[in-house]
C-alpha cells in the first residue's frame, strides 16, 4: 500500500478540523451514546487508509448500489468480520441502526464496532473516495 501524498495528508487534517467543527466536540474527543460509540472521521481515516478497519454500510441497498465508501461492504449476515475493527456507515449522524446490527457484528466476531460520526453525508461532503 502506498503512503498518502502531501495533498491527501492536508485533506486529512482539513477533514479532522471540519469534523471537530461539525460535531461541536474538541479535537480528539469522542462522542458516545449508550450502545453506539461514535468514531470521528478524522480519527478513522488513518485506520481506513492503512486497511485496519472494515467499513460496513447499513444504508438501504439502493443507496449502497448508487454510491458508497470505497471498499465498504453492504450489511448482510455473511460478512466475515472475525477479529476486525468495524465502522458502521449510516446516511448521516442521525443513525437509525438497530442495536441488533451491532450485536450481530459483535456475535460474528468483530473486535470493535463503532459508528462513523456524520456518516456517508460527511464522507461525501469531505470529498473522500467513493465507488
C-alpha atoms as a PDB file:
ATOM      1  CA  UNK A   1       0.000   0.000   0.000  1.00  0.00           C
ATOM      2  CA  UNK A   2       1.317   3.432  -0.874  1.00  0.00           C
ATOM      3  CA  UNK A   3       1.568   6.238   1.617  1.00  0.00           C
ATOM      4  CA  UNK A   4      -0.789   9.209   1.246  1.00  0.00           C
ATOM      5  CA  UNK A   5       0.538  12.107  -0.819  1.00  0.00           C
ATOM      6  CA  UNK A   6       1.016  15.511   0.853  1.00  0.00           C
ATOM      7  CA  UNK A   7      -2.279  16.722  -0.635  1.00  0.00           C
ATOM      8  CA  UNK A   8      -4.094  13.776   0.994  1.00  0.00           C
ATOM      9  CA  UNK A   9      -2.414  14.490   4.320  1.00  0.00           C
ATOM     10  CA  UNK A  10      -3.523  18.116   4.066  1.00  0.00           C
ATOM     11  CA  UNK A  11      -7.069  16.950   3.247  1.00  0.00           C
ATOM     12  CA  UNK A  12      -6.939  14.582   6.232  1.00  0.00           C
ATOM     13  CA  UNK A  13      -6.038  17.490   8.531  1.00  0.00           C
ATOM     14  CA  UNK A  14      -8.734  19.685   6.995  1.00  0.00           C
ATOM     15  CA  UNK A  15     -11.314  16.918   7.410  1.00  0.00           C
ATOM     16  CA  UNK A  16     -10.280  16.417  11.018  1.00  0.00           C
ATOM     17  CA  UNK A  17     -10.884  20.104  11.708  1.00  0.00           C
ATOM     18  CA  UNK A  18     -14.155  20.002   9.759  1.00  0.00           C
ATOM     19  CA  UNK A  19     -15.363  17.070  11.844  1.00  0.00           C
ATOM     20  CA  UNK A  20     -14.468  18.829  15.086  1.00  0.00           C
ATOM     21  CA  UNK A  21     -16.335  21.943  13.989  1.00  0.00           C
ATOM     22  CA  UNK A  22     -19.273  19.929  12.619  1.00  0.00           C
ATOM     23  CA  UNK A  23     -19.796  17.868  15.741  1.00  0.00           C
ATOM     24  CA  UNK A  24     -19.058  20.611  18.250  1.00  0.00           C
ATOM     25  CA  UNK A  25     -16.544  18.443  20.073  1.00  0.00           C
ATOM     26  CA  UNK A  26     -12.976  19.330  20.984  1.00  0.00           C
ATOM     27  CA  UNK A  27     -10.263  17.904  18.763  1.00  0.00           C
ATOM     28  CA  UNK A  28      -9.706  14.263  19.559  1.00  0.00           C
ATOM     29  CA  UNK A  29     -12.875  13.981  21.632  1.00  0.00           C
ATOM     30  CA  UNK A  30     -15.103  11.011  21.025  1.00  0.00           C
ATOM     31  CA  UNK A  31     -18.888  11.229  21.057  1.00  0.00           C
ATOM     32  CA  UNK A  32     -20.526   8.450  22.978  1.00  0.00           C
ATOM     33  CA  UNK A  33     -24.033   7.086  23.100  1.00  0.00           C
ATOM     34  CA  UNK A  34     -25.010   4.248  25.368  1.00  0.00           C
ATOM     35  CA  UNK A  35     -24.776   1.372  22.869  1.00  0.00           C
ATOM     36  CA  UNK A  36     -23.113   3.049  19.907  1.00  0.00           C
ATOM     37  CA  UNK A  37     -19.707   4.612  20.325  1.00  0.00           C
ATOM     38  CA  UNK A  38     -19.080   7.063  17.505  1.00  0.00           C
ATOM     39  CA  UNK A  39     -15.759   7.448  15.751  1.00  0.00           C
ATOM     40  CA  UNK A  40     -14.922  10.804  14.238  1.00  0.00           C
ATOM     41  CA  UNK A  41     -13.962  10.891  10.586  1.00  0.00           C
ATOM     42  CA  UNK A  42     -10.523  12.360  11.258  1.00  0.00           C
ATOM     43  CA  UNK A  43      -9.856   9.663  13.841  1.00  0.00           C
ATOM     44  CA  UNK A  44     -10.964   6.876  11.485  1.00  0.00           C
ATOM     45  CA  UNK A  45      -9.056   7.931   8.342  1.00  0.00           C
ATOM     46  CA  UNK A  46      -5.578   6.640   9.296  1.00  0.00           C
ATOM     47  CA  UNK A  47      -7.019   3.189  10.012  1.00  0.00           C
ATOM     48  CA  UNK A  48      -9.120   3.315   6.844  1.00  0.00           C
ATOM     49  CA  UNK A  49      -6.165   4.174   4.612  1.00  0.00           C
ATOM     50  CA  UNK A  50      -3.997   1.552   6.326  1.00  0.00           C
ATOM     51  CA  UNK A  51      -6.675  -1.108   5.767  1.00  0.00           C
ATOM     52  CA  UNK A  52      -7.076  -1.772   9.500  1.00  0.00           C
ATOM     53  CA  UNK A  53     -10.819  -1.093   9.563  1.00  0.00           C
ATOM     54  CA  UNK A  54     -13.713  -2.665   7.698  1.00  0.00           C
ATOM     55  CA  UNK A  55     -16.486  -0.245   6.745  1.00  0.00           C
ATOM     56  CA  UNK A  56     -19.971  -1.766   6.749  1.00  0.00           C
ATOM     57  CA  UNK A  57     -22.659   0.292   5.020  1.00  0.00           C
ATOM     58  CA  UNK A  58     -26.069  -0.071   6.672  1.00  0.00           C
ATOM     59  CA  UNK A  59     -27.920   2.336   4.392  1.00  0.00           C
ATOM     60  CA  UNK A  60     -30.684   0.930   2.169  1.00  0.00           C
ATOM     61  CA  UNK A  61     -29.419  -1.380  -0.596  1.00  0.00           C
ATOM     62  CA  UNK A  62     -30.345   1.027  -3.408  1.00  0.00           C
ATOM     63  CA  UNK A  63     -28.331   3.813  -1.732  1.00  0.00           C
ATOM     64  CA  UNK A  64     -25.348   1.468  -1.391  1.00  0.00           C
ATOM     65  CA  UNK A  65     -25.566   0.446  -5.068  1.00  0.00           C
ATOM     66  CA  UNK A  66     -25.753   4.092  -6.160  1.00  0.00           C
ATOM     67  CA  UNK A  67     -22.554   5.055  -4.298  1.00  0.00           C
ATOM     68  CA  UNK A  68     -20.684   4.016  -1.182  1.00  0.00           C
ATOM     69  CA  UNK A  69     -17.384   4.497   0.634  1.00  0.00           C
ATOM     70  CA  UNK A  70     -14.624   2.859  -1.400  1.00  0.00           C
ATOM     71  CA  UNK A  71     -14.129  -0.652  -0.038  1.00  0.00           C
ATOM     72  CA  UNK A  72     -17.272  -0.636   2.125  1.00  0.00           C
ATOM     73  CA  UNK A  73     -19.414  -3.750   2.234  1.00  0.00           C
ATOM     74  CA  UNK A  74     -23.202  -3.762   2.471  1.00  0.00           C
ATOM     75  CA  UNK A  75     -24.522  -5.157   5.738  1.00  0.00           C
ATOM     76  CA  UNK A  76     -25.551  -8.800   5.465  1.00  0.00           C
ATOM     77  CA  UNK A  77     -25.406 -11.779   7.733  1.00  0.00           C
ATOM     78  CA  UNK A  78     -22.476 -13.376   5.897  1.00  0.00           C
ATOM     79  CA  UNK A  79     -19.785 -10.691   6.215  1.00  0.00           C
ATOM     80  CA  UNK A  80     -16.528 -12.058   7.639  1.00  0.00           C
ATOM     81  CA  UNK A  81     -15.715  -9.628  10.442  1.00  0.00           C
ATOM     82  CA  UNK A  82     -13.872 -12.027  12.755  1.00  0.00           C
ATOM     83  CA  UNK A  83     -11.136 -10.177  14.615  1.00  0.00           C
ATOM     84  CA  UNK A  84     -11.646  -6.983  12.602  1.00  0.00           C
ATOM     85  CA  UNK A  85     -12.452  -3.468  13.709  1.00  0.00           C
ATOM     86  CA  UNK A  86     -15.719  -2.444  12.077  1.00  0.00           C
ATOM     87  CA  UNK A  87     -17.050   1.031  11.375  1.00  0.00           C
ATOM     88  CA  UNK A  88     -20.756   1.242  10.566  1.00  0.00           C
ATOM     89  CA  UNK A  89     -21.653   3.818   7.941  1.00  0.00           C
ATOM     90  CA  UNK A  90     -25.124   5.348   8.151  1.00  0.00           C
ATOM     91  CA  UNK A  91     -26.582   8.035   5.893  1.00  0.00           C
ATOM     92  CA  UNK A  92     -25.844  10.827   8.382  1.00  0.00           C
ATOM     93  CA  UNK A  93     -25.216  11.465  12.074  1.00  0.00           C
ATOM     94  CA  UNK A  94     -28.838  10.598  12.875  1.00  0.00           C
ATOM     95  CA  UNK A  95     -28.118   6.888  12.632  1.00  0.00           C
ATOM     96  CA  UNK A  96     -31.183   4.718  12.950  1.00  0.00           C
ATOM     97  CA  UNK A  97     -29.249   1.449  13.009  1.00  0.00           C
ATOM     98  CA  UNK A  98     -30.936  -1.092  15.239  1.00  0.00           C
ATOM     99  CA  UNK A  99     -28.935  -2.429  18.156  1.00  0.00           C
ATOM    100  CA  UNK A 100     -29.362  -5.872  16.595  1.00  0.00           C
ATOM    101  CA  UNK A 101     -26.977  -4.808  13.787  1.00  0.00           C
ATOM    102  CA  UNK A 102     -24.178  -4.067  16.225  1.00  0.00           C
ATOM    103  CA  UNK A 103     -24.999  -7.204  18.197  1.00  0.00           C
ATOM    104  CA  UNK A 104     -24.867  -9.299  15.003  1.00  0.00           C
ATOM    105  CA  UNK A 105     -21.455  -7.865  14.090  1.00  0.00           C
ATOM    106  CA  UNK A 106     -20.098  -8.476  17.608  1.00  0.00           C
ATOM    107  CA  UNK A 107     -21.512 -12.017  17.594  1.00  0.00           C
ATOM    108  CA  UNK A 108     -19.812 -12.629  14.232  1.00  0.00           C
ATOM    109  CA  UNK A 109     -16.513 -11.875  15.944  1.00  0.00           C
ATOM    110  CA  UNK A 110     -15.858  -8.183  15.260  1.00  0.00           C
ATOM    111  CA  UNK A 111     -13.177  -6.879  17.612  1.00  0.00           C
ATOM    112  CA  UNK A 112     -14.775  -3.427  17.848  1.00  0.00           C
ATOM    113  CA  UNK A 113     -17.879  -1.856  16.330  1.00  0.00           C
ATOM    114  CA  UNK A 114     -18.223   1.918  16.051  1.00  0.00           C
ATOM    115  CA  UNK A 115     -20.484   4.241  14.069  1.00  0.00           C
ATOM    116  CA  UNK A 116     -18.984   6.834  11.726  1.00  0.00           C
ATOM    117  CA  UNK A 117     -19.998  10.191  13.195  1.00  0.00           C
ATOM    118  CA  UNK A 118     -21.519  12.188  10.338  1.00  0.00           C
ATOM    119  CA  UNK A 119     -21.994   9.082   8.214  1.00  0.00           C
ATOM    120  CA  UNK A 120     -21.947   8.993   4.443  1.00  0.00           C
ATOM    121  CA  UNK A 121     -23.113  12.615   4.238  1.00  0.00           C
ATOM    122  CA  UNK A 122     -19.939  13.873   5.944  1.00  0.00           C
ATOM    123  CA  UNK A 123     -17.761  11.427   3.966  1.00  0.00           C
ATOM    124  CA  UNK A 124     -19.013  12.774   0.626  1.00  0.00           C
ATOM    125  CA  UNK A 125     -19.009  16.396   1.826  1.00  0.00           C
ATOM    126  CA  UNK A 126     -15.323  15.866   2.640  1.00  0.00           C
ATOM    127  CA  UNK A 127     -14.741  14.586  -0.926  1.00  0.00           C
ATOM    128  CA  UNK A 128     -13.311  11.280   0.236  1.00  0.00           C
ATOM    129  CA  UNK A 129     -13.173   8.234  -2.103  1.00  0.00           C
ATOM    130  CA  UNK A 130     -16.429   6.585  -3.136  1.00  0.00           C
ATOM    131  CA  UNK A 131     -17.337   3.948  -5.689  1.00  0.00           C
END
